[in-house]
Amino acid sequence: MSAPADRKHRVVTAFQRHLANPLNRRLPFQTLLETTGRTSGLPRQTPVGGRRVGQSFWLVSEFGHRSQYVRNIQADPRVRVRIAGRWHRGTAHLLPDDDPVARLRALPRLNSVAVRAFGTDLLTVRVDLEN
């Protein structure tokens, strides 16, 4: 990763970790992705933007394999997703062969604009929902 991209990653993740995510987690209808911490084993909730299509939930990670939730998925793909205030269990799949820019066109516009603007290594994630 280039120095400007690395700097962008550090700034954006610090902002998300300390300001945006704690606030967004409190919003009752914010979509959340819950993974299991790969080291701690504790539940980790990350606000995400995406869209449910049938029995799948689609999202694009703005930092790809550098995202903590992506690294947690690699260790344990069993996740939960809170959509419209309701929790769903599922299995997450990382899709490096999917075109994340094209995928963003089918996802909520505001989130997609932010992911394109702040992201440095886009990666599509699909969660197959169980319920």
Protein backbone atom coordinates (compact mmCIF):
# COMPACT_ATOMS: atom_id res chain seq x y z
CA MET A 1 0.00 0.00 0.00
CA SER A 2 1.31 3.45 -0.89
CA ALA A 3 2.17 6.00 1.80
CA PRO A 4 -0.84 8.26 0.98
CA ALA A 5 -3.20 5.24 1.02
CA ASP A 6 -1.70 4.07 4.32
CA ARG A 7 -2.15 7.54 5.83
CA LYS A 8 -5.74 7.68 4.54
CA HIS A 9 -6.42 4.26 6.10
CA ARG A 10 -5.05 5.36 9.50
CA VAL A 11 -7.02 8.63 9.54
CA VAL A 12 -10.33 7.12 8.41
CA THR A 13 -10.13 4.11 10.74
CA ALA A 14 -9.24 6.32 13.72
CA PHE A 15 -12.25 8.54 12.95
CA GLN A 16 -14.53 5.51 12.56
CA ARG A 17 -13.23 3.68 15.64
CA HIS A 18 -13.39 6.62 18.04
CA LEU A 19 -16.25 8.79 16.77
CA ALA A 20 -18.50 7.47 13.99
CA ASN A 21 -18.88 3.81 14.99
CA PRO A 22 -19.68 4.40 18.69
CA LEU A 23 -22.40 6.88 17.66
CA ASN A 24 -23.80 4.74 14.84
CA ARG A 25 -23.98 1.60 17.02
CA ARG A 26 -26.53 3.40 19.21
CA LEU A 27 -28.91 4.14 16.34
CA PRO A 28 -31.71 1.54 16.53
CA PHE A 29 -32.03 0.97 12.78
CA GLN A 30 -28.34 1.25 11.83
CA THR A 31 -27.25 -1.94 10.08
CA LEU A 32 -24.63 -3.74 12.16
CA LEU A 33 -22.33 -6.62 11.30
CA GLU A 34 -21.38 -8.71 14.31
CA THR A 35 -18.26 -10.85 14.02
CA THR A 36 -16.32 -12.81 16.64
CA GLY A 37 -13.00 -11.21 17.57
CA ARG A 38 -10.25 -13.45 16.23
CA THR A 39 -8.06 -12.91 19.31
CA SER A 40 -10.53 -12.06 22.07
CA GLY A 41 -13.38 -14.33 21.05
CA LEU A 42 -15.76 -11.48 21.98
CA PRO A 43 -18.58 -10.19 19.76
CA ARG A 44 -17.54 -7.17 17.68
CA GLN A 45 -20.22 -4.94 16.15
CA THR A 46 -19.40 -2.77 13.16
CA PRO A 47 -21.85 -0.34 11.53
CA VAL A 48 -22.03 -1.14 7.82
CA GLY A 49 -23.97 -0.08 4.77
CA GLY A 50 -25.35 -2.68 2.44
CA ARG A 51 -28.51 -4.24 1.14
CA ARG A 52 -30.46 -7.41 1.66
CA VAL A 53 -31.29 -9.24 -1.56
CA GLY A 54 -33.40 -12.32 -0.89
CA GLN A 55 -31.55 -14.47 1.66
CA SER A 56 -28.23 -12.62 1.23
CA PHE A 57 -26.87 -9.37 2.62
CA TRP A 58 -24.30 -7.59 0.44
CA LEU A 59 -21.73 -4.98 1.49
CA VAL A 60 -18.38 -3.63 0.33
CA SER A 61 -15.47 -3.26 2.75
CA GLU A 62 -13.60 -0.03 2.11
CA PHE A 63 -10.24 -1.40 3.30
CA GLY A 64 -10.53 -4.99 2.13
CA HIS A 65 -8.37 -7.48 4.00
CA ARG A 66 -7.08 -4.70 6.27
CA SER A 67 -10.54 -4.21 7.82
CA GLN A 68 -10.75 -5.73 11.27
CA TYR A 69 -14.16 -7.25 10.57
CA VAL A 70 -12.82 -8.87 7.38
CA ARG A 71 -9.92 -10.34 9.34
CA ASN A 72 -12.45 -11.63 11.91
CA ILE A 73 -14.52 -13.18 9.09
CA GLN A 74 -11.41 -14.94 7.79
CA ALA A 75 -10.96 -16.53 11.22
CA ASP A 76 -14.67 -17.35 11.72
CA PRO A 77 -17.22 -16.68 8.96
CA ARG A 78 -20.24 -17.14 11.27
CA VAL A 79 -21.73 -13.67 11.76
CA ARG A 80 -24.90 -11.85 12.68
CA VAL A 81 -26.36 -8.88 10.81
CA ARG A 82 -28.86 -6.43 12.30
CA ILE A 83 -31.12 -5.24 9.48
CA ALA A 84 -33.96 -2.80 10.24
CA GLY A 85 -33.63 -3.56 13.96
CA ARG A 86 -33.78 -7.37 13.60
CA TRP A 87 -30.83 -9.75 14.03
CA HIS A 88 -30.12 -12.48 11.47
CA ARG A 89 -27.50 -15.22 11.71
CA GLY A 90 -25.45 -16.00 8.63
CA THR A 91 -22.22 -17.08 7.03
CA ALA A 92 -20.00 -14.41 5.48
CA HIS A 93 -18.11 -14.94 2.24
CA LEU A 94 -15.29 -12.71 0.97
CA LEU A 95 -15.59 -12.28 -2.80
CA PRO A 96 -12.30 -10.92 -4.21
CA ASP A 97 -13.38 -11.79 -7.79
CA ASP A 98 -16.54 -9.67 -7.58
CA ASP A 99 -16.36 -6.11 -8.97
CA PRO A 100 -16.84 -3.96 -5.83
CA VAL A 101 -17.36 -0.72 -7.78
CA ALA A 102 -20.17 -2.32 -9.80
CA ARG A 103 -21.54 -3.85 -6.59
CA LEU A 104 -21.64 -0.40 -4.93
CA ARG A 105 -23.99 0.80 -7.68
CA ALA A 106 -26.60 -1.65 -6.36
CA LEU A 107 -26.14 -0.68 -2.70
CA PRO A 108 -27.46 2.37 -0.80
CA ARG A 109 -26.16 5.51 -2.48
CA LEU A 110 -24.93 7.52 0.53
CA ASN A 111 -22.88 4.65 1.93
CA SER A 112 -21.55 3.78 -1.53
CA VAL A 113 -20.31 7.33 -2.08
CA ALA A 114 -18.50 7.24 1.28
CA VAL A 115 -16.94 3.83 0.59
CA ARG A 116 -15.64 5.00 -2.80
CA ALA A 117 -14.38 8.29 -1.35
CA PHE A 118 -12.59 6.87 1.69
CA GLY A 119 -11.78 3.34 0.59
CA THR A 120 -8.38 2.22 -0.59
CA ASP A 121 -8.86 -1.51 -1.22
CA LEU A 122 -12.51 -2.41 -1.88
CA LEU A 123 -13.71 -5.96 -1.22
CA THR A 124 -17.20 -7.40 -1.68
CA VAL A 125 -18.69 -9.38 1.20
CA ARG A 126 -21.82 -11.52 0.95
CA VAL A 127 -23.58 -12.87 4.04
CA ASP A 128 -25.86 -15.84 3.42
CA LEU A 129 -28.64 -15.42 5.98
CA GLU A 130 -30.14 -18.36 7.88
CA ASN A 131 -33.36 -16.75 9.07
